[in-house]
Amino acid sequence: MRTTPTTTRRWLTRACSRALTATLMLTLVAAGCSDGDSPEDTADELDIPAVDAGVDTTPADDTHVDDTVALEDTAPSAGDTGPQVDVPDDVALDDTGAQSDTDTVGDDTVASDTLDADAADAADAADAADAGPQLWSSYNGLTGQALRDALQADLVSTHQPLSYTDARDVMYAFGGLDDHNGRIECIYTGRTVDTDGSRTPADNCKRADGSPITCSFNTEHSFAKFFLRLHLTEHSPEYDAAEGDIHHLYPSDQDINAARWHFDFAETPCATTNSCAETEGGSLLGLRAGGSGSASCPRGDLELDDDCVMWVRPERRGDLARAQLYMSVRYGMPIPAEMEAALRDWHAQDPADAREMARNDGAEAAQGTRNPFVDRPDFVAKILDY
């Protein structure tokens, strides 16, 4: 355990409390406190003033304590140990008394509750830091564009790009990145199918509630290929790297993948108007607030680009958010303001869980890069514009 001045003062306070308790009890006995009298009653008869807990009762110049001082009711636990305190010869500590090599009590024996809490918080932070090296720690002092540039340089230099085919093999293989106990899950609906080693598994499809349904899976580019083509030169090395970047690729039911098309991620009020085009598993596809297009959000209608949005189910919205932020930083692709606001909210609402962290490890093993926003959620707020 880390010893701090605050910790020492706490032990000194406990030891003083025990000594003063002993003095008080001797005083009460001498005054003739009977078995039937409560200490409080006898204290009242002796006109012993009460002192609020937390108030420093230690005299300024020495460690002798006047035996007319009453202490708080709560006694230290029997297992407590701490610094030894010099007390008058006529005051005996009980047999759970504090023992330590720490010096005698000084003028500042009792610290305020606020200072104690602050010191405890600082100690907790130090303990966390002692747990091991922090990932991406060399960027701790960076913010804004400087942080974004540094992360991008790191991600580019460590990336060992996979082809889209190879990336899917990593995902769908038996024991692969997205094989969870022989089942593969749709990122949007929660539907699952048996792992069969193919890139389009379809066997034994079930909804998230376990009910059977016929379906077939393929792979979702969560940062839609439409935007990859918009911002990168198709079939260039950078485009190919983005197309096969596992950090934004997810298994998906083919139907919901097609329905999402390249609509932005954002919140939609369609559930309140019963007008959602898709609702399964908690993900919603519908018009954004103020949208005026077709509520059915048909794919292929470019005029609906600014009207329809995908609202991802709560269990996986954080995963999708961090994937989009990664792609924006890694490939220098901008994210629309409304979508960015939603992604920041989703990142906060759905922190990375063990599965997402394990997937980050697997992606690094396969292609050399990690998603820094999974490792360091604090980085999200440090970059002001994606």
Protein backbone atom coordinates (compact mmCIF):
# COMPACT_ATOMS: atom_id res chain seq x y z
CA MET A 1 0.00 0.00 0.00
CA ARG A 2 1.31 3.48 -0.83
CA THR A 3 2.02 5.61 2.30
CA THR A 4 1.22 9.31 1.96
CA PRO A 5 1.18 12.18 4.48
CA THR A 6 -2.60 12.01 4.46
CA THR A 7 -2.50 8.28 5.24
CA THR A 8 -0.11 8.92 8.13
CA ARG A 9 -2.34 11.66 9.55
CA ARG A 10 -5.32 9.28 9.42
CA TRP A 11 -3.44 6.65 11.45
CA LEU A 12 -2.31 9.32 13.95
CA THR A 13 -5.89 10.51 14.33
CA ARG A 14 -7.09 6.93 14.99
CA ALA A 15 -4.38 6.39 17.59
CA CYS A 16 -5.20 9.64 19.34
CA SER A 17 -8.88 8.64 19.32
CA ARG A 18 -8.07 5.36 21.07
CA ALA A 19 -5.94 7.14 23.68
CA LEU A 20 -8.60 9.74 24.36
CA THR A 21 -11.27 7.04 24.54
CA ALA A 22 -9.26 5.28 27.22
CA THR A 23 -8.88 8.54 29.16
CA LEU A 24 -12.60 9.22 28.94
CA MET A 25 -13.49 5.73 30.15
CA LEU A 26 -11.15 6.09 33.15
CA THR A 27 -12.78 9.42 33.95
CA LEU A 28 -16.24 7.90 33.76
CA VAL A 29 -15.29 4.99 35.98
CA ALA A 30 -13.75 7.36 38.51
CA ALA A 31 -16.97 9.37 38.53
CA GLY A 32 -18.94 6.28 39.45
CA CYS A 33 -20.67 5.38 36.20
CA SER A 34 -22.87 2.38 37.01
CA ASP A 35 -23.57 -0.54 34.71
CA GLY A 36 -26.97 0.88 34.06
CA ASP A 37 -25.77 4.32 33.07
CA SER A 38 -24.98 5.10 29.47
CA PRO A 39 -21.70 6.87 28.75
CA GLU A 40 -23.69 9.66 27.15
CA ASP A 41 -25.76 10.18 30.32
CA THR A 42 -22.71 10.22 32.55
CA ALA A 43 -20.90 12.57 30.19
CA ASP A 44 -23.84 14.95 30.46
CA GLU A 45 -23.69 14.80 34.27
CA LEU A 46 -19.95 15.58 34.19
CA ASP A 47 -20.51 18.43 31.75
CA ILE A 48 -18.12 16.94 29.21
CA PRO A 49 -18.46 18.91 25.95
CA ALA A 50 -19.05 17.00 22.72
CA VAL A 51 -16.82 17.52 19.73
CA ASP A 52 -17.98 17.03 16.17
CA ALA A 53 -16.22 14.30 14.18
CA GLY A 54 -13.52 15.65 11.97
CA VAL A 55 -12.66 18.66 14.17
CA ASP A 56 -9.00 18.84 15.20
CA THR A 57 -8.90 18.30 19.01
CA THR A 58 -5.12 18.07 19.21
CA PRO A 59 -3.52 20.85 21.28
CA ALA A 60 -1.13 23.02 19.36
CA ASP A 61 1.98 22.69 21.55
CA ASP A 62 2.12 19.15 22.85
CA THR A 63 0.48 15.75 22.65
CA HIS A 64 -1.20 15.81 26.09
CA VAL A 65 -4.96 15.68 25.74
CA ASP A 66 -7.29 17.17 28.31
CA ASP A 67 -9.48 14.41 29.75
CA THR A 68 -12.62 16.53 29.42
CA VAL A 69 -12.73 16.13 25.64
CA ALA A 70 -15.45 13.81 24.28
CA LEU A 71 -14.83 11.81 21.11
CA GLU A 72 -17.02 10.63 18.25
CA ASP A 73 -18.99 7.43 18.85
CA THR A 74 -17.44 5.35 16.09
CA ALA A 75 -14.43 3.35 17.31
CA PRO A 76 -11.63 2.13 15.04
CA SER A 77 -11.86 -1.47 13.87
CA ALA A 78 -9.81 -4.09 15.71
CA GLY A 79 -7.65 -4.79 12.69
CA ASP A 80 -6.42 -1.23 12.22
CA THR A 81 -2.71 -0.55 12.57
CA GLY A 82 -0.94 2.72 12.15
CA PRO A 83 1.61 5.19 13.47
CA GLN A 84 2.45 5.10 17.22
CA VAL A 85 1.53 8.20 19.18
CA ASP A 86 3.21 9.56 22.31
CA VAL A 87 0.61 9.73 25.07
CA PRO A 88 0.79 10.57 28.77
CA ASP A 89 1.96 7.77 31.06
CA ASP A 90 -1.44 7.52 32.71
CA VAL A 91 -3.22 6.81 29.42
CA ALA A 92 -3.09 3.21 28.17
CA LEU A 93 -3.94 2.22 24.61
CA ASP A 94 -6.28 -0.69 24.16
CA ASP A 95 -4.82 -3.90 22.79
CA THR A 96 -5.71 -2.89 19.22
CA GLY A 97 -3.60 0.26 19.55
CA ALA A 98 -1.61 1.68 16.68
CA GLN A 99 2.03 0.71 16.28
CA SER A 100 4.42 2.26 13.82
CA ASP A 101 7.79 3.92 13.47
CA THR A 102 6.12 7.23 12.57
CA ASP A 103 7.03 10.29 14.68
CA THR A 104 4.76 11.70 17.38
CA VAL A 105 1.69 13.74 16.64
CA GLY A 106 2.28 17.26 15.35
CA ASP A 107 0.14 20.31 15.07
CA ASP A 108 -1.63 19.12 11.88
CA THR A 109 -2.83 15.70 13.08
CA VAL A 110 -6.34 15.91 11.65
CA ALA A 111 -6.85 16.71 7.94
CA SER A 112 -10.13 17.91 6.54
CA ASP A 113 -12.48 15.49 4.78
CA THR A 114 -12.05 17.40 1.54
CA LEU A 115 -8.28 17.17 1.60
CA ASP A 116 -8.46 13.48 2.49
CA ALA A 117 -10.80 12.81 -0.44
CA ASP A 118 -8.57 14.71 -2.82
CA ALA A 119 -5.50 12.84 -1.63
CA ALA A 120 -7.30 9.52 -1.96
CA ASP A 121 -8.30 10.37 -5.53
CA ALA A 122 -4.72 11.27 -6.33
CA ALA A 123 -3.51 8.00 -4.83
CA ASP A 124 -6.04 6.05 -6.86
CA ALA A 125 -4.85 7.74 -10.04
CA ALA A 126 -1.27 6.94 -9.13
CA ASP A 127 -2.19 3.32 -8.45
CA ALA A 128 -3.82 3.09 -11.90
CA ALA A 129 -0.71 4.50 -13.47
CA ASP A 130 1.37 1.91 -11.64
CA ALA A 131 -0.66 -0.90 -13.24
CA GLY A 132 1.47 -0.79 -16.37
CA PRO A 133 2.43 1.28 -19.39
CA GLN A 134 -0.41 3.21 -20.99
CA LEU A 135 -1.02 2.60 -24.68
CA TRP A 136 -0.32 5.58 -26.93
CA SER A 137 1.25 7.36 -23.94
CA SER A 138 3.71 9.25 -26.15
CA TYR A 139 0.73 11.29 -27.41
CA ASN A 140 -0.65 12.23 -23.98
CA GLY A 141 0.26 15.90 -24.32
CA LEU A 142 -1.25 16.33 -27.77
CA THR A 143 -4.68 17.66 -28.70
CA GLY A 144 -6.56 18.82 -31.78
CA GLN A 145 -4.89 18.60 -35.16
CA ALA A 146 -1.52 17.73 -33.62
CA LEU A 147 -2.99 14.59 -32.04
CA ARG A 148 -4.85 13.70 -35.22
CA ASP A 149 -1.71 14.07 -37.34
CA ALA A 150 0.40 12.03 -34.92
CA LEU A 151 -2.13 9.20 -34.80
CA GLN A 152 -2.46 9.15 -38.56
CA ALA A 153 1.32 8.95 -39.03
CA ASP A 154 1.49 6.06 -36.57
CA LEU A 155 -1.39 4.18 -38.19
CA VAL A 156 0.01 4.60 -41.69
CA SER A 157 3.49 3.47 -40.68
CA THR A 158 2.33 0.33 -38.85
CA HIS A 159 -0.40 -0.72 -41.29
CA GLN A 160 0.14 -3.96 -43.18
CA PRO A 161 -2.85 -3.77 -45.53
CA LEU A 162 -4.98 -6.81 -46.27
CA SER A 163 -6.99 -7.38 -49.40
CA TYR A 164 -10.74 -7.36 -48.89
CA THR A 165 -10.73 -11.14 -49.46
CA ASP A 166 -7.98 -11.77 -46.93
CA ALA A 167 -9.67 -9.53 -44.38
CA ARG A 168 -12.90 -11.52 -44.64
CA ASP A 169 -10.99 -14.76 -44.24
CA VAL A 170 -9.60 -13.43 -40.96
CA MET A 171 -13.10 -12.52 -39.86
CA TYR A 172 -15.07 -15.61 -40.86
CA ALA A 173 -12.62 -18.48 -40.36
CA PHE A 174 -13.27 -21.11 -37.71
CA GLY A 175 -11.87 -19.48 -34.60
CA GLY A 176 -11.58 -16.23 -36.58
CA LEU A 177 -11.99 -12.67 -35.45
CA ASP A 178 -15.81 -12.74 -35.48
CA ASP A 179 -16.37 -16.37 -34.57
CA HIS A 180 -17.88 -16.38 -31.08
CA ASN A 181 -18.34 -19.94 -29.85
CA GLY A 182 -19.26 -21.15 -33.33
CA ARG A 183 -21.63 -18.28 -34.09
CA ILE A 184 -21.27 -15.04 -36.05
CA GLU A 185 -23.38 -11.98 -35.20
CA CYS A 186 -24.82 -9.21 -37.35
CA ILE A 187 -23.56 -5.84 -36.15
CA TYR A 188 -26.94 -4.17 -36.74
CA THR A 189 -29.67 -6.70 -35.89
CA GLY A 190 -28.04 -9.14 -33.51
CA ARG A 191 -29.00 -12.06 -35.78
CA THR A 192 -26.56 -14.96 -35.62
CA VAL A 193 -25.56 -17.82 -37.93
CA ASP A 194 -23.28 -20.81 -37.58
CA THR A 195 -19.64 -20.35 -38.46
CA ASP A 196 -19.03 -22.47 -41.57
CA GLY A 197 -15.68 -21.09 -42.76
CA SER A 198 -17.23 -19.28 -45.74
CA ARG A 199 -17.45 -15.53 -46.27
CA THR A 200 -21.25 -15.70 -46.61
CA PRO A 201 -22.48 -17.90 -43.75
CA ALA A 202 -26.21 -18.65 -43.64
CA ASP A 203 -26.79 -21.83 -41.62
CA ASN A 204 -29.06 -21.94 -38.59
CA CYS A 205 -29.94 -18.25 -38.66
CA LYS A 206 -31.62 -16.89 -35.54
CA ARG A 207 -32.87 -13.50 -34.43
CA ALA A 208 -31.41 -11.90 -31.32
CA ASP A 209 -34.28 -13.39 -29.27
CA GLY A 210 -33.37 -16.90 -30.47
CA SER A 211 -36.27 -17.37 -32.84
CA PRO A 212 -35.35 -18.97 -36.20
CA ILE A 213 -35.37 -17.06 -39.47
CA THR A 214 -33.91 -17.53 -42.93
CA CYS A 215 -31.03 -15.20 -43.65
CA SER A 216 -27.59 -14.93 -45.20
CA PHE A 217 -24.61 -12.84 -44.10
CA ASN A 218 -22.09 -10.75 -45.97
CA THR A 219 -19.67 -7.98 -44.93
CA GLU A 220 -20.56 -4.41 -44.11
CA HIS A 221 -18.19 -1.55 -44.85
CA SER A 222 -19.39 0.58 -41.97
CA PHE A 223 -17.54 3.54 -43.49
CA ALA A 224 -19.54 3.08 -46.68
CA LYS A 225 -17.71 2.31 -49.92
CA PHE A 226 -19.60 5.23 -51.46
CA PHE A 227 -17.52 7.55 -49.26
CA LEU A 228 -14.32 5.62 -49.88
CA ARG A 229 -14.83 6.28 -53.60
CA LEU A 230 -15.74 9.89 -52.87
CA HIS A 231 -12.57 10.66 -50.93
CA LEU A 232 -10.01 8.14 -52.23
CA THR A 233 -8.97 7.14 -55.73
CA GLU A 234 -10.62 3.80 -56.45
CA HIS A 235 -8.14 0.89 -56.69
CA SER A 236 -5.28 3.06 -55.47
CA PRO A 237 -3.14 1.53 -52.66
CA GLU A 238 -4.86 3.79 -50.12
CA TYR A 239 -8.33 2.83 -51.37
CA ASP A 240 -7.48 -0.88 -51.31
CA ALA A 241 -6.12 -0.55 -47.78
CA ALA A 242 -9.35 1.12 -46.65
CA GLU A 243 -11.54 -1.44 -48.42
CA GLY A 244 -9.84 -4.27 -46.53
CA ASP A 245 -9.32 -2.48 -43.21
CA ILE A 246 -10.75 -4.81 -40.59
CA HIS A 247 -11.38 -2.00 -38.13
CA HIS A 248 -14.51 -0.92 -40.03
CA LEU A 249 -15.60 -4.26 -41.52
CA TYR A 250 -18.36 -6.18 -39.73
CA PRO A 251 -20.51 -9.25 -40.41
CA SER A 252 -24.01 -8.21 -41.37
CA ASP A 253 -27.27 -9.71 -42.51
CA GLN A 254 -27.39 -9.07 -46.24
CA ASP A 255 -30.82 -7.43 -46.12
CA ILE A 256 -29.99 -4.87 -43.45
CA ASN A 257 -26.63 -4.21 -45.11
CA ALA A 258 -28.41 -3.40 -48.36
CA ALA A 259 -31.01 -1.28 -46.56
CA ARG A 260 -28.39 0.80 -44.77
CA TRP A 261 -26.75 1.52 -48.16
CA HIS A 262 -24.52 4.55 -47.45
CA PHE A 263 -26.87 6.50 -45.20
CA ASP A 264 -25.19 8.37 -42.37
CA PHE A 265 -25.19 7.16 -38.80
CA ALA A 266 -27.33 9.49 -36.70
CA GLU A 267 -30.47 9.52 -34.59
CA THR A 268 -33.90 9.23 -36.12
CA PRO A 269 -37.30 9.95 -34.55
CA CYS A 270 -38.98 7.35 -36.77
CA ALA A 271 -39.88 5.14 -33.80
CA THR A 272 -42.10 7.85 -32.36
CA THR A 273 -44.01 8.17 -35.63
CA ASN A 274 -44.05 4.45 -36.40
CA SER A 275 -42.39 5.15 -39.74
CA CYS A 276 -39.07 3.29 -39.56
CA ALA A 277 -37.95 1.37 -42.62
CA GLU A 278 -36.00 -1.08 -40.40
CA THR A 279 -36.30 -1.78 -36.68
CA GLU A 280 -34.92 -5.23 -35.92
CA GLY A 281 -32.70 -5.71 -32.90
CA GLY A 282 -32.92 -2.09 -31.82
CA SER A 283 -31.31 -0.52 -34.88
CA LEU A 284 -33.53 1.93 -36.72
CA LEU A 285 -33.47 3.13 -40.31
CA GLY A 286 -35.61 6.18 -41.01
CA LEU A 287 -35.80 9.86 -41.76
CA ARG A 288 -33.61 12.15 -39.70
CA ALA A 289 -35.36 14.88 -37.72
CA GLY A 290 -36.70 17.38 -40.24
CA GLY A 291 -36.23 14.99 -43.18
CA SER A 292 -38.85 15.29 -45.91
CA GLY A 293 -38.15 12.33 -48.19
CA SER A 294 -39.72 8.89 -48.36
CA ALA A 295 -39.95 7.22 -44.98
CA SER A 296 -39.20 3.87 -46.63
CA CYS A 297 -35.66 5.09 -47.40
CA PRO A 298 -35.21 3.10 -50.63
CA ARG A 299 -31.57 2.41 -51.44
CA GLY A 300 -30.22 3.92 -54.65
CA ASP A 301 -32.12 7.19 -54.33
CA LEU A 302 -29.34 9.78 -54.11
CA GLU A 303 -31.86 12.46 -53.24
CA LEU A 304 -32.38 10.71 -49.89
CA ASP A 305 -28.71 11.01 -48.91
CA ASP A 306 -29.48 13.89 -46.56
CA ASP A 307 -32.81 12.58 -45.31
CA CYS A 308 -32.36 8.97 -44.14
CA VAL A 309 -30.07 7.78 -41.34
CA MET A 310 -29.18 4.58 -39.50
CA TRP A 311 -29.51 4.59 -35.72
CA VAL A 312 -27.45 1.66 -34.42
CA ARG A 313 -28.67 -0.55 -31.59
CA PRO A 314 -27.36 0.38 -28.12
CA GLU A 315 -25.22 -2.75 -27.69
CA ARG A 316 -22.97 -1.97 -30.67
CA ARG A 317 -23.32 1.73 -31.40
CA GLY A 318 -20.06 2.53 -29.61
CA ASP A 319 -18.20 -0.03 -31.74
CA LEU A 320 -19.49 1.59 -34.93
CA ALA A 321 -18.71 5.08 -33.64
CA ARG A 322 -15.08 4.28 -32.84
CA ALA A 323 -14.70 2.55 -36.20
CA GLN A 324 -15.85 5.68 -38.05
CA LEU A 325 -13.51 7.93 -36.06
CA TYR A 326 -10.62 5.57 -36.77
CA MET A 327 -11.32 5.64 -40.50
CA SER A 328 -11.59 9.42 -40.51
CA VAL A 329 -8.18 9.79 -38.85
CA ARG A 330 -6.40 6.93 -40.65
CA TYR A 331 -7.46 7.97 -44.17
CA GLY A 332 -8.11 11.68 -43.71
CA MET A 333 -11.80 11.43 -44.58
CA PRO A 334 -14.22 13.99 -43.09
CA ILE A 335 -17.38 13.11 -41.20
CA PRO A 336 -20.53 15.31 -41.50
CA ALA A 337 -21.20 17.45 -38.43
CA GLU A 338 -24.53 15.83 -37.45
CA MET A 339 -23.09 12.36 -37.82
CA GLU A 340 -20.00 13.33 -35.81
CA ALA A 341 -22.18 14.60 -32.97
CA ALA A 342 -24.07 11.30 -32.90
CA LEU A 343 -20.84 9.29 -32.97
CA ARG A 344 -19.45 11.21 -30.02
CA ASP A 345 -22.64 10.48 -28.08
CA TRP A 346 -22.55 6.80 -29.00
CA HIS A 347 -18.90 6.54 -28.00
CA ALA A 348 -19.84 7.81 -24.53
CA GLN A 349 -23.01 5.71 -24.24
CA ASP A 350 -21.40 2.40 -25.22
CA PRO A 351 -17.80 2.12 -23.96
CA ALA A 352 -15.54 -0.57 -25.39
CA ASP A 353 -16.25 -3.97 -23.85
CA ALA A 354 -14.08 -7.09 -23.67
CA ARG A 355 -15.26 -8.29 -27.08
CA GLU A 356 -14.37 -5.02 -28.80
CA MET A 357 -11.00 -4.94 -27.08
CA ALA A 358 -10.29 -8.51 -28.16
CA ARG A 359 -11.26 -7.61 -31.72
CA ASN A 360 -8.84 -4.70 -31.59
CA ASP A 361 -6.09 -7.13 -30.55
CA GLY A 362 -7.01 -9.46 -33.39
CA ALA A 363 -7.03 -6.67 -35.94
CA GLU A 364 -3.57 -5.63 -34.84
CA ALA A 365 -2.32 -9.20 -35.19
CA ALA A 366 -3.78 -9.40 -38.70
CA GLN A 367 -2.90 -5.99 -40.14
CA GLY A 368 -0.55 -4.26 -37.70
CA THR A 369 -2.77 -1.40 -36.56
CA ARG A 370 -4.91 -0.79 -33.49
CA ASN A 371 -7.88 1.50 -33.15
CA PRO A 372 -6.58 4.14 -30.71
CA PHE A 373 -10.11 5.16 -29.72
CA VAL A 374 -10.74 1.68 -28.30
CA ASP A 375 -7.50 1.80 -26.30
CA ARG A 376 -7.79 5.45 -25.33
CA PRO A 377 -11.39 6.67 -25.21
CA ASP A 378 -10.14 10.01 -23.90
CA PHE A 379 -8.59 10.75 -27.31
CA VAL A 380 -12.05 11.19 -28.85
CA ALA A 381 -12.73 14.46 -27.07
CA LYS A 382 -9.18 15.73 -27.64
CA ILE A 383 -9.77 15.92 -31.39
CA LEU A 384 -12.20 18.72 -32.09
CA ASP A 385 -13.14 17.94 -35.69
CA TYR A 386 -13.31 14.64 -37.58
